[in-house]
Amino acid sequence: MKWVLVDKFDNIVHTVDLNKRYNLNEARKYFVNLKQMDEKEFNKLWKVVTEENYQLQLKLSLNNRQVEWWNDDNYLDIDR
């Protein structure tokens, strides 16, 4: 199963393919050891999810974002 290390901005920083027997806690421990940090500090900076869940979350967040550029107050209006 592929696990991804994701930063605060939802960017994938690292990917690893671990045995299917690895669960979330074991994958998190893998990345904590890789970063050589305290687990509490690690959890403040990173999250660990399966690649499949990451893709699902990304698609959902993109679908929920509706950009209405015409409602943006920061545009230049020549007629004003």
PDB file of N, CA and C in Angstrom:
ATOM      1  N   MET A   1       0.836  -1.166   0.000  1.00  0.00           N
ATOM      2  CA  MET A   1       0.000   0.000   0.000  1.00  0.00           C
ATOM      3  C   MET A   1       0.888   1.238   0.000  1.00  0.00           C
ATOM      4  N   LYS A   2       0.517   2.236  -0.785  1.00  0.00           N
ATOM      5  CA  LYS A   2       1.296   3.468  -0.841  1.00  0.00           C
ATOM      6  C   LYS A   2       0.792   4.461   0.202  1.00  0.00           C
ATOM      7  N   TRP A   3       1.741   4.994   0.952  1.00  0.00           N
ATOM      8  CA  TRP A   3       1.469   6.011   1.957  1.00  0.00           C
ATOM      9  C   TRP A   3       2.154   7.292   1.536  1.00  0.00           C
ATOM     10  N   VAL A   4       1.528   8.423   1.835  1.00  0.00           N
ATOM     11  CA  VAL A   4       2.109   9.705   1.468  1.00  0.00           C
ATOM     12  C   VAL A   4       2.250  10.581   2.704  1.00  0.00           C
ATOM     13  N   LEU A   5       3.312  11.350   2.712  1.00  0.00           N
ATOM     14  CA  LEU A   5       3.564  12.342   3.746  1.00  0.00           C
ATOM     15  C   LEU A   5       3.147  13.682   3.159  1.00  0.00           C
ATOM     16  N   VAL A   6       2.218  14.354   3.834  1.00  0.00           N
ATOM     17  CA  VAL A   6       1.610  15.569   3.306  1.00  0.00           C
ATOM     18  C   VAL A   6       1.919  16.730   4.238  1.00  0.00           C
ATOM     19  N   ASP A   7       2.294  17.876   3.657  1.00  0.00           N
ATOM     20  CA  ASP A   7       2.583  19.055   4.477  1.00  0.00           C
ATOM     21  C   ASP A   7       1.301  19.825   4.780  1.00  0.00           C
ATOM     22  N   LYS A   8       1.443  20.970   5.452  1.00  0.00           N
ATOM     23  CA  LYS A   8       0.292  21.786   5.853  1.00  0.00           C
ATOM     24  C   LYS A   8      -0.500  22.317   4.660  1.00  0.00           C
ATOM     25  N   PHE A   9       0.144  22.418   3.529  1.00  0.00           N
ATOM     26  CA  PHE A   9      -0.492  22.970   2.334  1.00  0.00           C
ATOM     27  C   PHE A   9      -1.039  21.875   1.415  1.00  0.00           C
ATOM     28  N   ASP A  10      -1.135  20.667   1.944  1.00  0.00           N
ATOM     29  CA  ASP A  10      -1.648  19.502   1.225  1.00  0.00           C
ATOM     30  C   ASP A  10      -0.791  19.089   0.032  1.00  0.00           C
ATOM     31  N   ASN A  11       0.496  19.357   0.120  1.00  0.00           N
ATOM     32  CA  ASN A  11       1.446  18.910  -0.896  1.00  0.00           C
ATOM     33  C   ASN A  11       2.093  17.606  -0.448  1.00  0.00           C
ATOM     34  N   ILE A  12       2.223  16.674  -1.363  1.00  0.00           N
ATOM     35  CA  ILE A  12       2.916  15.428  -1.056  1.00  0.00           C
ATOM     36  C   ILE A  12       4.416  15.704  -1.010  1.00  0.00           C
ATOM     37  N   VAL A  13       5.023  15.351   0.111  1.00  0.00           N
ATOM     38  CA  VAL A  13       6.456  15.567   0.303  1.00  0.00           C
ATOM     39  C   VAL A  13       7.232  14.279   0.052  1.00  0.00           C
ATOM     40  N   HIS A  14       6.625  13.159   0.410  1.00  0.00           N
ATOM     41  CA  HIS A  14       7.317  11.879   0.283  1.00  0.00           C
ATOM     42  C   HIS A  14       6.279  10.771   0.116  1.00  0.00           C
ATOM     43  N   THR A  15       6.608   9.783  -0.676  1.00  0.00           N
ATOM     44  CA  THR A  15       5.740   8.622  -0.888  1.00  0.00           C
ATOM     45  C   THR A  15       6.538   7.358  -0.632  1.00  0.00           C
ATOM     46  N   VAL A  16       5.886   6.387  -0.004  1.00  0.00           N
ATOM     47  CA  VAL A  16       6.541   5.107   0.244  1.00  0.00           C
ATOM     48  C   VAL A  16       5.524   3.994   0.022  1.00  0.00           C
ATOM     49  N   ASP A  17       5.994   2.909  -0.551  1.00  0.00           N
ATOM     50  CA  ASP A  17       5.145   1.740  -0.764  1.00  0.00           C
ATOM     51  C   ASP A  17       5.517   0.705   0.294  1.00  0.00           C
ATOM     52  N   LEU A  18       4.628   0.520   1.268  1.00  0.00           N
ATOM     53  CA  LEU A  18       4.875  -0.408   2.365  1.00  0.00           C
ATOM     54  C   LEU A  18       4.008  -1.648   2.206  1.00  0.00           C
ATOM     55  N   ASN A  19       4.386  -2.683   2.902  1.00  0.00           N
ATOM     56  CA  ASN A  19       3.625  -3.923   2.911  1.00  0.00           C
ATOM     57  C   ASN A  19       2.178  -3.630   3.308  1.00  0.00           C
ATOM     58  N   LYS A  20       1.232  -4.363   2.765  1.00  0.00           N
ATOM     59  CA  LYS A  20      -0.195  -4.131   3.042  1.00  0.00           C
ATOM     60  C   LYS A  20      -0.550  -4.325   4.513  1.00  0.00           C
ATOM     61  N   ARG A  21       0.308  -4.998   5.257  1.00  0.00           N
ATOM     62  CA  ARG A  21       0.029  -5.217   6.685  1.00  0.00           C
ATOM     63  C   ARG A  21       0.254  -3.951   7.495  1.00  0.00           C
ATOM     64  N   TYR A  22       0.944  -2.962   6.945  1.00  0.00           N
ATOM     65  CA  TYR A  22       1.195  -1.721   7.672  1.00  0.00           C
ATOM     66  C   TYR A  22      -0.099  -0.939   7.803  1.00  0.00           C
ATOM     67  N   ASN A  23      -0.394  -0.510   9.029  1.00  0.00           N
ATOM     68  CA  ASN A  23      -1.561   0.333   9.237  1.00  0.00           C
ATOM     69  C   ASN A  23      -1.109   1.800   9.364  1.00  0.00           C
ATOM     70  N   LEU A  24      -2.041   2.678   9.651  1.00  0.00           N
ATOM     71  CA  LEU A  24      -1.729   4.110   9.719  1.00  0.00           C
ATOM     72  C   LEU A  24      -0.668   4.420  10.776  1.00  0.00           C
ATOM     73  N   ASN A  25      -0.795   3.828  11.958  1.00  0.00           N
ATOM     74  CA  ASN A  25       0.177   4.096  13.028  1.00  0.00           C
ATOM     75  C   ASN A  25       1.577   3.656  12.641  1.00  0.00           C
ATOM     76  N   GLU A  26       1.688   2.515  12.005  1.00  0.00           N
ATOM     77  CA  GLU A  26       3.000   2.029  11.590  1.00  0.00           C
ATOM     78  C   GLU A  26       3.585   2.884  10.473  1.00  0.00           C
ATOM     79  N   ALA A  27       2.745   3.328   9.550  1.00  0.00           N
ATOM     80  CA  ALA A  27       3.220   4.208   8.479  1.00  0.00           C
ATOM     81  C   ALA A  27       3.671   5.545   9.059  1.00  0.00           C
ATOM     82  N   ARG A  28       2.913   6.057  10.040  1.00  0.00           N
ATOM     83  CA  ARG A  28       3.302   7.314  10.690  1.00  0.00           C
ATOM     84  C   ARG A  28       4.656   7.156  11.388  1.00  0.00           C
ATOM     85  N   LYS A  29       4.841   6.028  12.073  1.00  0.00           N
ATOM     86  CA  LYS A  29       6.123   5.771  12.747  1.00  0.00           C
ATOM     87  C   LYS A  29       7.270   5.733  11.733  1.00  0.00           C
ATOM     88  N   TYR A  30       7.005   5.147  10.576  1.00  0.00           N
ATOM     89  CA  TYR A  30       8.015   5.109   9.521  1.00  0.00           C
ATOM     90  C   TYR A  30       8.451   6.523   9.156  1.00  0.00           C
ATOM     91  N   PHE A  31       7.480   7.411   8.921  1.00  0.00           N
ATOM     92  CA  PHE A  31       7.804   8.777   8.518  1.00  0.00           C
ATOM     93  C   PHE A  31       8.420   9.586   9.665  1.00  0.00           C
ATOM     94  N   VAL A  32       7.992   9.325  10.900  1.00  0.00           N
ATOM     95  CA  VAL A  32       8.599  10.002  12.059  1.00  0.00           C
ATOM     96  C   VAL A  32      10.071   9.633  12.131  1.00  0.00           C
ATOM     97  N   ASN A  33      10.381   8.356  11.954  1.00  0.00           N
ATOM     98  CA  ASN A  33      11.784   7.913  11.970  1.00  0.00           C
ATOM     99  C   ASN A  33      12.556   8.496  10.787  1.00  0.00           C
ATOM    100  N   LEU A  34      11.902   8.593   9.657  1.00  0.00           N
ATOM    101  CA  LEU A  34      12.551   9.157   8.476  1.00  0.00           C
ATOM    102  C   LEU A  34      12.929  10.624   8.712  1.00  0.00           C
ATOM    103  N   LYS A  35      12.021  11.383   9.322  1.00  0.00           N
ATOM    104  CA  LYS A  35      12.269  12.805   9.601  1.00  0.00           C
ATOM    105  C   LYS A  35      13.099  13.018  10.858  1.00  0.00           C
ATOM    106  N   GLN A  36      13.266  11.980  11.661  1.00  0.00           N
ATOM    107  CA  GLN A  36      14.042  12.034  12.902  1.00  0.00           C
ATOM    108  C   GLN A  36      13.565  13.170  13.800  1.00  0.00           C
ATOM    109  N   MET A  37      12.268  13.143  14.091  1.00  0.00           N
ATOM    110  CA  MET A  37      11.657  14.174  14.923  1.00  0.00           C
ATOM    111  C   MET A  37      10.860  13.518  16.046  1.00  0.00           C
ATOM    112  N   ASP A  38      10.519  14.343  17.015  1.00  0.00           N
ATOM    113  CA  ASP A  38       9.596  13.943  18.054  1.00  0.00           C
ATOM    114  C   ASP A  38       8.204  13.795  17.432  1.00  0.00           C
ATOM    115  N   GLU A  39       7.440  12.805  17.872  1.00  0.00           N
ATOM    116  CA  GLU A  39       6.148  12.526  17.247  1.00  0.00           C
ATOM    117  C   GLU A  39       5.163  13.696  17.395  1.00  0.00           C
ATOM    118  N   LYS A  40       5.191  14.393  18.527  1.00  0.00           N
ATOM    119  CA  LYS A  40       4.284  15.535  18.725  1.00  0.00           C
ATOM    120  C   LYS A  40       4.601  16.654  17.743  1.00  0.00           C
ATOM    121  N   GLU A  41       5.878  16.928  17.562  1.00  0.00           N
ATOM    122  CA  GLU A  41       6.282  17.966  16.607  1.00  0.00           C
ATOM    123  C   GLU A  41       5.968  17.538  15.180  1.00  0.00           C
ATOM    124  N   PHE A  42       6.173  16.281  14.896  1.00  0.00           N
ATOM    125  CA  PHE A  42       5.862  15.734  13.575  1.00  0.00           C
ATOM    126  C   PHE A  42       4.395  15.954  13.239  1.00  0.00           C
ATOM    127  N   ASN A  43       3.515  15.649  14.194  1.00  0.00           N
ATOM    128  CA  ASN A  43       2.081  15.775  13.969  1.00  0.00           C
ATOM    129  C   ASN A  43       1.639  17.219  13.747  1.00  0.00           C
ATOM    130  N   LYS A  44       2.406  18.175  14.236  1.00  0.00           N
ATOM    131  CA  LYS A  44       2.088  19.591  14.002  1.00  0.00           C
ATOM    132  C   LYS A  44       2.389  20.011  12.557  1.00  0.00           C
ATOM    133  N   LEU A  45       3.343  19.329  11.929  1.00  0.00           N
ATOM    134  CA  LEU A  45       3.806  19.728  10.598  1.00  0.00           C
ATOM    135  C   LEU A  45       3.295  18.854   9.461  1.00  0.00           C
ATOM    136  N   TRP A  46       3.024  17.598   9.744  1.00  0.00           N
ATOM    137  CA  TRP A  46       2.751  16.637   8.684  1.00  0.00           C
ATOM    138  C   TRP A  46       1.515  15.820   8.977  1.00  0.00           C
ATOM    139  N   LYS A  47       0.972  15.214   7.927  1.00  0.00           N
ATOM    140  CA  LYS A  47      -0.035  14.169   8.103  1.00  0.00           C
ATOM    141  C   LYS A  47       0.310  13.035   7.151  1.00  0.00           C
ATOM    142  N   VAL A  48      -0.093  11.846   7.544  1.00  0.00           N
ATOM    143  CA  VAL A  48       0.183  10.638   6.776  1.00  0.00           C
ATOM    144  C   VAL A  48      -1.153  10.033   6.363  1.00  0.00           C
ATOM    145  N   VAL A  49      -1.310   9.804   5.079  1.00  0.00           N
ATOM    146  CA  VAL A  49      -2.536   9.190   4.546  1.00  0.00           C
ATOM    147  C   VAL A  49      -2.153   8.227   3.428  1.00  0.00           C
ATOM    148  N   THR A  50      -3.090   7.372   3.087  1.00  0.00           N
ATOM    149  CA  THR A  50      -2.850   6.514   1.932  1.00  0.00           C
ATOM    150  C   THR A  50      -2.935   7.368   0.673  1.00  0.00           C
ATOM    151  N   GLU A  51      -2.253   6.939  -0.352  1.00  0.00           N
ATOM    152  CA  GLU A  51      -2.288   7.685  -1.607  1.00  0.00           C
ATOM    153  C   GLU A  51      -3.722   7.765  -2.141  1.00  0.00           C
ATOM    154  N   GLU A  52      -4.459   6.689  -1.972  1.00  0.00           N
ATOM    155  CA  GLU A  52      -5.853   6.648  -2.438  1.00  0.00           C
ATOM    156  C   GLU A  52      -6.702   7.694  -1.700  1.00  0.00           C
ATOM    157  N   ASN A  53      -6.555   7.771  -0.377  1.00  0.00           N
ATOM    158  CA  ASN A  53      -7.311   8.767   0.394  1.00  0.00           C
ATOM    159  C   ASN A  53      -6.896  10.185   0.034  1.00  0.00           C
ATOM    160  N   TYR A  54      -5.616  10.375  -0.216  1.00  0.00           N
ATOM    161  CA  TYR A  54      -5.141  11.699  -0.629  1.00  0.00           C
ATOM    162  C   TYR A  54      -5.817  12.128  -1.931  1.00  0.00           C
ATOM    163  N   GLN A  55      -5.868  11.215  -2.894  1.00  0.00           N
ATOM    164  CA  GLN A  55      -6.500  11.535  -4.178  1.00  0.00           C
ATOM    165  C   GLN A  55      -7.984  11.853  -3.998  1.00  0.00           C
ATOM    166  N   LEU A  56      -8.668  11.084  -3.157  1.00  0.00           N
ATOM    167  CA  LEU A  56     -10.086  11.333  -2.894  1.00  0.00           C
ATOM    168  C   LEU A  56     -10.301  12.689  -2.230  1.00  0.00           C
ATOM    169  N   GLN A  57      -9.479  13.009  -1.240  1.00  0.00           N
ATOM    170  CA  GLN A  57      -9.594  14.297  -0.544  1.00  0.00           C
ATOM    171  C   GLN A  57      -9.315  15.443  -1.495  1.00  0.00           C
ATOM    172  N   LEU A  58      -8.326  15.282  -2.357  1.00  0.00           N
ATOM    173  CA  LEU A  58      -7.980  16.326  -3.311  1.00  0.00           C
ATOM    174  C   LEU A  58      -9.130  16.568  -4.278  1.00  0.00           C
ATOM    175  N   LYS A  59      -9.701  15.506  -4.798  1.00  0.00           N
ATOM    176  CA  LYS A  59     -10.818  15.654  -5.735  1.00  0.00           C
ATOM    177  C   LYS A  59     -12.020  16.301  -5.059  1.00  0.00           C
ATOM    178  N   LEU A  60     -12.309  15.897  -3.820  1.00  0.00           N
ATOM    179  CA  LEU A  60     -13.437  16.489  -3.101  1.00  0.00           C
ATOM    180  C   LEU A  60     -13.216  17.969  -2.834  1.00  0.00           C
ATOM    181  N   SER A  61     -12.003  18.320  -2.451  1.00  0.00           N
ATOM    182  CA  SER A  61     -11.734  19.732  -2.163  1.00  0.00           C
ATOM    183  C   SER A  61     -11.804  20.574  -3.438  1.00  0.00           C
ATOM    184  N   LEU A  62     -11.392  20.015  -4.564  1.00  0.00           N
ATOM    185  CA  LEU A  62     -11.495  20.758  -5.818  1.00  0.00           C
ATOM    186  C   LEU A  62     -12.945  20.898  -6.269  1.00  0.00           C
ATOM    187  N   ASN A  63     -13.739  19.874  -6.047  1.00  0.00           N
ATOM    188  CA  ASN A  63     -15.154  19.935  -6.416  1.00  0.00           C
ATOM    189  C   ASN A  63     -15.928  20.908  -5.541  1.00  0.00           C
ATOM    190  N   ASN A  64     -15.515  21.045  -4.284  1.00  0.00           N
ATOM    191  CA  ASN A  64     -16.215  21.930  -3.360  1.00  0.00           C
ATOM    192  C   ASN A  64     -15.811  23.388  -3.522  1.00  0.00           C
ATOM    193  N   ARG A  65     -14.737  23.631  -4.231  1.00  0.00           N
ATOM    194  CA  ARG A  65     -14.275  25.002  -4.459  1.00  0.00           C
ATOM    195  C   ARG A  65     -14.904  25.536  -5.719  1.00  0.00           C
ATOM    196  N   GLN A  66     -15.734  26.505  -5.553  1.00  0.00           N
ATOM    197  CA  GLN A  66     -16.340  27.131  -6.711  1.00  0.00           C
ATOM    198  C   GLN A  66     -15.752  28.529  -6.823  1.00  0.00           C
ATOM    199  N   VAL A  67     -15.082  28.782  -7.898  1.00  0.00           N
ATOM    200  CA  VAL A  67     -14.446  30.076  -8.097  1.00  0.00           C
ATOM    201  C   VAL A  67     -15.415  30.973  -8.855  1.00  0.00           C
ATOM    202  N   GLU A  68     -15.754  32.062  -8.223  1.00  0.00           N
ATOM    203  CA  GLU A  68     -16.621  33.047  -8.858  1.00  0.00           C
ATOM    204  C   GLU A  68     -15.806  34.320  -9.043  1.00  0.00           C
ATOM    205  N   TRP A  69     -15.076  34.366 -10.114  1.00  0.00           N
ATOM    206  CA  TRP A  69     -14.168  35.490 -10.345  1.00  0.00           C
ATOM    207  C   TRP A  69     -14.920  36.801 -10.458  1.00  0.00           C
ATOM    208  N   TRP A  70     -16.169  36.776 -10.878  1.00  0.00           N
ATOM    209  CA  TRP A  70     -16.921  38.017 -11.032  1.00  0.00           C
ATOM    210  C   TRP A  70     -17.306  38.623  -9.681  1.00  0.00           C
ATOM    211  N   ASN A  71     -17.219  37.835  -8.601  1.00  0.00           N
ATOM    212  CA  ASN A  71     -17.515  38.343  -7.265  1.00  0.00           C
ATOM    213  C   ASN A  71     -16.270  38.814  -6.533  1.00  0.00           C
ATOM    214  N   ASP A  72     -15.141  38.704  -7.155  1.00  0.00           N
ATOM    215  CA  ASP A  72     -13.888  39.102  -6.526  1.00  0.00           C
ATOM    216  C   ASP A  72     -13.794  40.621  -6.484  1.00  0.00           C
ATOM    217  N   ASP A  73     -13.517  41.156  -5.311  1.00  0.00           N
ATOM    218  CA  ASP A  73     -13.421  42.609  -5.147  1.00  0.00           C
ATOM    219  C   ASP A  73     -12.071  43.159  -5.586  1.00  0.00           C
ATOM    220  N   ASN A  74     -11.136  42.302  -5.879  1.00  0.00           N
ATOM    221  CA  ASN A  74      -9.768  42.739  -6.169  1.00  0.00           C
ATOM    222  C   ASN A  74      -9.484  42.813  -7.661  1.00  0.00           C
ATOM    223  N   TYR A  75     -10.438  43.156  -8.446  1.00  0.00           N
ATOM    224  CA  TYR A  75     -10.200  43.259  -9.873  1.00  0.00           C
ATOM    225  C   TYR A  75     -10.179  44.735 -10.287  1.00  0.00           C
ATOM    226  N   LEU A  76      -9.615  45.005 -11.422  1.00  0.00           N
ATOM    227  CA  LEU A  76      -9.567  46.370 -11.925  1.00  0.00           C
ATOM    228  C   LEU A  76     -10.806  46.634 -12.780  1.00  0.00           C
ATOM    229  N   ASP A  77     -11.479  47.699 -12.471  1.00  0.00           N
ATOM    230  CA  ASP A  77     -12.661  48.068 -13.229  1.00  0.00           C
ATOM    231  C   ASP A  77     -12.365  49.384 -13.938  1.00  0.00           C
ATOM    232  N   ILE A  78     -12.214  49.327 -15.230  1.00  0.00           N
ATOM    233  CA  ILE A  78     -11.821  50.497 -16.013  1.00  0.00           C
ATOM    234  C   ILE A  78     -12.917  51.563 -16.029  1.00  0.00           C
ATOM    235  N   ASP A  79     -14.161  51.137 -15.953  1.00  0.00           N
ATOM    236  CA  ASP A  79     -15.284  52.080 -16.034  1.00  0.00           C
ATOM    237  C   ASP A  79     -15.500  52.881 -14.760  1.00  0.00           C
ATOM    238  N   ARG A  80     -14.860  52.567 -13.700  1.00  0.00           N
ATOM    239  CA  ARG A  80     -15.059  53.298 -12.438  1.00  0.00           C
ATOM    240  C   ARG A  80     -14.335  54.588 -12.409  1.00  0.00           C
TER     241      ARG A  80
END
